[in-house]
Amino acid sequence: IDNHGTAVNVTPARATARIKFRAS
């Protein structure tokens, strides 16, 4: 999960979730 460097006293304008799904 990534809030792109947002500080804790700033409302995040973007939240990104990245998932690596590996299957056989």
PDB file of all heavy atoms in Angstrom:
ATOM      1  N   ILE A   1       0.846  -1.196   0.000  1.00  0.00           N
ATOM      2  CA  ILE A   1       0.000   0.000   0.000  1.00  0.00           C
ATOM      3  C   ILE A   1       0.879   1.244   0.000  1.00  0.00           C
ATOM      4  O   ILE A   1       1.899   1.294   0.686  1.00  0.00           O
ATOM      5  CB  ILE A   1      -0.927   0.007   1.224  1.00  0.00           C
ATOM      6  CG1 ILE A   1      -1.802  -1.244   1.237  1.00  0.00           C
ATOM      7  CG2 ILE A   1      -1.803   1.253   1.240  1.00  0.00           C
ATOM      8  CD1 ILE A   1      -2.598  -1.428   2.508  1.00  0.00           C
ATOM      9  N   ASP A   2       0.452   2.264  -0.745  1.00  0.00           N
ATOM     10  CA  ASP A   2       1.264   3.467  -0.921  1.00  0.00           C
ATOM     11  C   ASP A   2       0.378   4.706  -0.855  1.00  0.00           C
ATOM     12  O   ASP A   2      -0.614   4.817  -1.579  1.00  0.00           O
ATOM     13  CB  ASP A   2       1.965   3.408  -2.286  1.00  0.00           C
ATOM     14  CG  ASP A   2       2.982   4.515  -2.481  1.00  0.00           C
ATOM     15  OD1 ASP A   2       3.194   5.308  -1.540  1.00  0.00           O
ATOM     16  OD2 ASP A   2       3.563   4.588  -3.580  1.00  0.00           O
ATOM     17  N   ASN A   3       0.747   5.665   0.025  1.00  0.00           N
ATOM     18  CA  ASN A   3       0.097   6.976   0.063  1.00  0.00           C
ATOM     19  C   ASN A   3       0.993   8.055  -0.553  1.00  0.00           C
ATOM     20  O   ASN A   3       0.772   9.255  -0.351  1.00  0.00           O
ATOM     21  CB  ASN A   3      -0.284   7.369   1.481  1.00  0.00           C
ATOM     22  CG  ASN A   3      -1.611   6.792   1.925  1.00  0.00           C
ATOM     23  OD1 ASN A   3      -1.797   6.451   3.083  1.00  0.00           O
ATOM     24  ND2 ASN A   3      -2.559   6.681   1.017  1.00  0.00           N
ATOM     25  N   HIS A   4       2.017   7.618  -1.279  1.00  0.00           N
ATOM     26  CA  HIS A   4       2.835   8.512  -2.104  1.00  0.00           C
ATOM     27  C   HIS A   4       3.466   9.640  -1.292  1.00  0.00           C
ATOM     28  O   HIS A   4       3.488  10.802  -1.705  1.00  0.00           O
ATOM     29  CB  HIS A   4       1.987   9.068  -3.254  1.00  0.00           C
ATOM     30  CG  HIS A   4       1.303   7.992  -4.042  1.00  0.00           C
ATOM     31  ND1 HIS A   4       1.940   7.255  -5.009  1.00  0.00           N
ATOM     32  CD2 HIS A   4       0.033   7.489  -3.966  1.00  0.00           C
ATOM     33  CE1 HIS A   4       1.106   6.362  -5.519  1.00  0.00           C
ATOM     34  NE2 HIS A   4      -0.059   6.480  -4.893  1.00  0.00           N
ATOM     35  N   GLY A   5       3.982   9.298  -0.120  1.00  0.00           N
ATOM     36  CA  GLY A   5       4.724  10.253   0.692  1.00  0.00           C
ATOM     37  C   GLY A   5       3.880  11.233   1.469  1.00  0.00           C
ATOM     38  O   GLY A   5       4.422  12.203   2.022  1.00  0.00           O
ATOM     39  N   THR A   6       2.590  11.006   1.577  1.00  0.00           N
ATOM     40  CA  THR A   6       1.721  11.937   2.284  1.00  0.00           C
ATOM     41  C   THR A   6       2.047  11.968   3.781  1.00  0.00           C
ATOM     42  O   THR A   6       2.198  10.912   4.410  1.00  0.00           O
ATOM     43  CB  THR A   6       0.243  11.538   2.104  1.00  0.00           C
ATOM     44  OG1 THR A   6      -0.049  11.473   0.712  1.00  0.00           O
ATOM     45  CG2 THR A   6      -0.685  12.538   2.770  1.00  0.00           C
ATOM     46  N   ALA A   7       2.127  13.166   4.344  1.00  0.00           N
ATOM     47  CA  ALA A   7       2.398  13.314   5.772  1.00  0.00           C
ATOM     48  C   ALA A   7       1.139  12.984   6.574  1.00  0.00           C
ATOM     49  O   ALA A   7       0.017  13.018   6.068  1.00  0.00           O
ATOM     50  CB  ALA A   7       2.855  14.739   6.074  1.00  0.00           C
ATOM     51  N   VAL A   8       1.335  12.691   7.867  1.00  0.00           N
ATOM     52  CA  VAL A   8       0.219  12.234   8.687  1.00  0.00           C
ATOM     53  C   VAL A   8      -0.783  13.347   8.974  1.00  0.00           C
ATOM     54  O   VAL A   8      -1.922  13.075   9.369  1.00  0.00           O
ATOM     55  CB  VAL A   8       0.749  11.607   9.997  1.00  0.00           C
ATOM     56  CG1 VAL A   8       1.284  12.685  10.941  1.00  0.00           C
ATOM     57  CG2 VAL A   8      -0.309  10.736  10.665  1.00  0.00           C
ATOM     58  N   ASN A   9      -0.411  14.615   8.768  1.00  0.00           N
ATOM     59  CA  ASN A   9      -1.352  15.715   8.982  1.00  0.00           C
ATOM     60  C   ASN A   9      -1.932  16.243   7.669  1.00  0.00           C
ATOM     61  O   ASN A   9      -2.443  17.355   7.598  1.00  0.00           O
ATOM     62  CB  ASN A   9      -0.685  16.856   9.757  1.00  0.00           C
ATOM     63  CG  ASN A   9       0.563  17.393   9.064  1.00  0.00           C
ATOM     64  OD1 ASN A   9       0.996  16.843   8.044  1.00  0.00           O
ATOM     65  ND2 ASN A   9       1.132  18.462   9.625  1.00  0.00           N
ATOM     66  N   VAL A  10      -1.845  15.462   6.628  1.00  0.00           N
ATOM     67  CA  VAL A  10      -2.391  15.805   5.313  1.00  0.00           C
ATOM     68  C   VAL A  10      -3.395  14.723   4.915  1.00  0.00           C
ATOM     69  O   VAL A  10      -3.127  13.526   5.057  1.00  0.00           O
ATOM     70  CB  VAL A  10      -1.282  15.911   4.249  1.00  0.00           C
ATOM     71  CG1 VAL A  10      -1.871  16.177   2.865  1.00  0.00           C
ATOM     72  CG2 VAL A  10      -0.290  17.016   4.629  1.00  0.00           C
ATOM     73  N   THR A  11      -4.550  15.142   4.420  1.00  0.00           N
ATOM     74  CA  THR A  11      -5.535  14.179   3.934  1.00  0.00           C
ATOM     75  C   THR A  11      -5.037  13.588   2.616  1.00  0.00           C
ATOM     76  O   THR A  11      -4.807  14.332   1.652  1.00  0.00           O
ATOM     77  CB  THR A  11      -6.893  14.856   3.701  1.00  0.00           C
ATOM     78  OG1 THR A  11      -7.300  15.516   4.898  1.00  0.00           O
ATOM     79  CG2 THR A  11      -7.940  13.833   3.303  1.00  0.00           C
ATOM     80  N   PRO A  12      -4.854  12.271   2.531  1.00  0.00           N
ATOM     81  CA  PRO A  12      -4.289  11.680   1.310  1.00  0.00           C
ATOM     82  C   PRO A  12      -5.203  11.872   0.101  1.00  0.00           C
ATOM     83  O   PRO A  12      -6.394  11.542   0.158  1.00  0.00           O
ATOM     84  CB  PRO A  12      -4.154  10.200   1.658  1.00  0.00           C
ATOM     85  CG  PRO A  12      -4.146  10.142   3.151  1.00  0.00           C
ATOM     86  CD  PRO A  12      -5.023  11.260   3.593  1.00  0.00           C
ATOM     87  N   ALA A  13      -4.629  12.396  -0.963  1.00  0.00           N
ATOM     88  CA  ALA A  13      -5.388  12.582  -2.204  1.00  0.00           C
ATOM     89  C   ALA A  13      -5.386  11.325  -3.061  1.00  0.00           C
ATOM     90  O   ALA A  13      -6.214  11.198  -3.973  1.00  0.00           O
ATOM     91  CB  ALA A  13      -4.801  13.744  -3.000  1.00  0.00           C
ATOM     92  N   ARG A  14      -4.472  10.407  -2.780  1.00  0.00           N
ATOM     93  CA  ARG A  14      -4.417   9.174  -3.568  1.00  0.00           C
ATOM     94  C   ARG A  14      -3.907   8.039  -2.689  1.00  0.00           C
ATOM     95  O   ARG A  14      -2.963   8.211  -1.913  1.00  0.00           O
ATOM     96  CB  ARG A  14      -3.514   9.339  -4.789  1.00  0.00           C
ATOM     97  CG  ARG A  14      -3.239   8.042  -5.548  1.00  0.00           C
ATOM     98  CD  ARG A  14      -2.536   8.284  -6.861  1.00  0.00           C
ATOM     99  NE  ARG A  14      -3.440   8.867  -7.848  1.00  0.00           N
ATOM    100  CZ  ARG A  14      -3.222   8.875  -9.157  1.00  0.00           C
ATOM    101  NH1 ARG A  14      -2.119   8.336  -9.644  1.00  0.00           N
ATOM    102  NH2 ARG A  14      -4.080   9.416  -9.982  1.00  0.00           N
ATOM    103  N   ALA A  15      -4.558   6.910  -2.824  1.00  0.00           N
ATOM    104  CA  ALA A  15      -4.113   5.688  -2.147  1.00  0.00           C
ATOM    105  C   ALA A  15      -3.998   4.594  -3.193  1.00  0.00           C
ATOM    106  O   ALA A  15      -4.946   4.339  -3.946  1.00  0.00           O
ATOM    107  CB  ALA A  15      -5.100   5.289  -1.053  1.00  0.00           C
ATOM    108  N   THR A  16      -2.837   3.962  -3.258  1.00  0.00           N
ATOM    109  CA  THR A  16      -2.582   2.939  -4.264  1.00  0.00           C
ATOM    110  C   THR A  16      -2.270   1.612  -3.587  1.00  0.00           C
ATOM    111  O   THR A  16      -1.423   1.548  -2.690  1.00  0.00           O
ATOM    112  CB  THR A  16      -1.403   3.341  -5.167  1.00  0.00           C
ATOM    113  OG1 THR A  16      -1.698   4.579  -5.813  1.00  0.00           O
ATOM    114  CG2 THR A  16      -1.145   2.273  -6.225  1.00  0.00           C
ATOM    115  N   ALA A  17      -2.986   0.600  -4.008  1.00  0.00           N
ATOM    116  CA  ALA A  17      -2.683  -0.764  -3.562  1.00  0.00           C
ATOM    117  C   ALA A  17      -2.148  -1.545  -4.746  1.00  0.00           C
ATOM    118  O   ALA A  17      -2.719  -1.513  -5.837  1.00  0.00           O
ATOM    119  CB  ALA A  17      -3.935  -1.438  -3.009  1.00  0.00           C
ATOM    120  N   ARG A  18      -1.039  -2.215  -4.537  1.00  0.00           N
ATOM    121  CA  ARG A  18      -0.478  -3.077  -5.578  1.00  0.00           C
ATOM    122  C   ARG A  18      -0.432  -4.509  -5.054  1.00  0.00           C
ATOM    123  O   ARG A  18      -0.003  -4.747  -3.925  1.00  0.00           O
ATOM    124  CB  ARG A  18       0.914  -2.597  -5.988  1.00  0.00           C
ATOM    125  CG  ARG A  18       0.892  -1.261  -6.722  1.00  0.00           C
ATOM    126  CD  ARG A  18       2.270  -0.831  -7.177  1.00  0.00           C
ATOM    127  NE  ARG A  18       3.134  -0.502  -6.059  1.00  0.00           N
ATOM    128  CZ  ARG A  18       4.307  -1.052  -5.815  1.00  0.00           C
ATOM    129  NH1 ARG A  18       4.770  -1.995  -6.624  1.00  0.00           N
ATOM    130  NH2 ARG A  18       5.021  -0.690  -4.775  1.00  0.00           N
ATOM    131  N   ILE A  19      -0.879  -5.420  -5.881  1.00  0.00           N
ATOM    132  CA  ILE A  19      -0.931  -6.831  -5.509  1.00  0.00           C
ATOM    133  C   ILE A  19      -0.224  -7.648  -6.580  1.00  0.00           C
ATOM    134  O   ILE A  19      -0.500  -7.474  -7.779  1.00  0.00           O
ATOM    135  CB  ILE A  19      -2.383  -7.321  -5.362  1.00  0.00           C
ATOM    136  CG1 ILE A  19      -3.099  -6.544  -4.248  1.00  0.00           C
ATOM    137  CG2 ILE A  19      -2.429  -8.823  -5.091  1.00  0.00           C
ATOM    138  CD1 ILE A  19      -4.589  -6.806  -4.184  1.00  0.00           C
ATOM    139  N   LYS A  20       0.678  -8.501  -6.154  1.00  0.00           N
ATOM    140  CA  LYS A  20       1.301  -9.473  -7.066  1.00  0.00           C
ATOM    141  C   LYS A  20       0.617 -10.813  -6.845  1.00  0.00           C
ATOM    142  O   LYS A  20       0.718 -11.407  -5.774  1.00  0.00           O
ATOM    143  CB  LYS A  20       2.813  -9.587  -6.858  1.00  0.00           C
ATOM    144  CG  LYS A  20       3.455 -10.595  -7.815  1.00  0.00           C
ATOM    145  CD  LYS A  20       4.958 -10.505  -7.800  1.00  0.00           C
ATOM    146  CE  LYS A  20       5.484  -9.339  -8.612  1.00  0.00           C
ATOM    147  NZ  LYS A  20       5.266  -9.496 -10.072  1.00  0.00           N
ATOM    148  N   PHE A  21      -0.067 -11.261  -7.882  1.00  0.00           N
ATOM    149  CA  PHE A  21      -0.789 -12.531  -7.850  1.00  0.00           C
ATOM    150  C   PHE A  21      -0.031 -13.511  -8.725  1.00  0.00           C
ATOM    151  O   PHE A  21       0.028 -13.368  -9.939  1.00  0.00           O
ATOM    152  CB  PHE A  21      -2.219 -12.304  -8.356  1.00  0.00           C
ATOM    153  CG  PHE A  21      -3.023 -13.561  -8.580  1.00  0.00           C
ATOM    154  CD1 PHE A  21      -2.926 -14.647  -7.718  1.00  0.00           C
ATOM    155  CD2 PHE A  21      -3.905 -13.641  -9.646  1.00  0.00           C
ATOM    156  CE1 PHE A  21      -3.677 -15.797  -7.925  1.00  0.00           C
ATOM    157  CE2 PHE A  21      -4.665 -14.781  -9.858  1.00  0.00           C
ATOM    158  CZ  PHE A  21      -4.544 -15.858  -9.001  1.00  0.00           C
ATOM    159  N   ARG A  22       0.598 -14.509  -8.071  1.00  0.00           N
ATOM    160  CA  ARG A  22       1.370 -15.521  -8.793  1.00  0.00           C
ATOM    161  C   ARG A  22       0.631 -16.851  -8.725  1.00  0.00           C
ATOM    162  O   ARG A  22       0.294 -17.313  -7.637  1.00  0.00           O
ATOM    163  CB  ARG A  22       2.756 -15.717  -8.171  1.00  0.00           C
ATOM    164  CG  ARG A  22       3.760 -14.610  -8.415  1.00  0.00           C
ATOM    165  CD  ARG A  22       5.134 -15.111  -7.991  1.00  0.00           C
ATOM    166  NE  ARG A  22       6.165 -14.111  -8.141  1.00  0.00           N
ATOM    167  CZ  ARG A  22       6.645 -13.375  -7.144  1.00  0.00           C
ATOM    168  NH1 ARG A  22       6.142 -13.528  -5.929  1.00  0.00           N
ATOM    169  NH2 ARG A  22       7.598 -12.500  -7.339  1.00  0.00           N
ATOM    170  N   ALA A  23       0.438 -17.467  -9.875  1.00  0.00           N
ATOM    171  CA  ALA A  23      -0.256 -18.748  -9.914  1.00  0.00           C
ATOM    172  C   ALA A  23       0.443 -19.692 -10.875  1.00  0.00           C
ATOM    173  O   ALA A  23       1.046 -19.255 -11.862  1.00  0.00           O
ATOM    174  CB  ALA A  23      -1.714 -18.555 -10.330  1.00  0.00           C
ATOM    175  N   SER A  24       0.346 -20.987 -10.590  1.00  0.00           N
ATOM    176  CA  SER A  24       0.906 -22.000 -11.473  1.00  0.00           C
ATOM    177  C   SER A  24      -0.086 -22.323 -12.580  1.00  0.00           C
ATOM    178  O   SER A  24      -1.227 -21.841 -12.597  1.00  0.00           O
ATOM    179  CB  SER A  24       1.253 -23.264 -10.694  1.00  0.00           C
ATOM    180  OG  SER A  24       0.074 -23.879 -10.207  1.00  0.00           O
TER     181      SER A  24
END
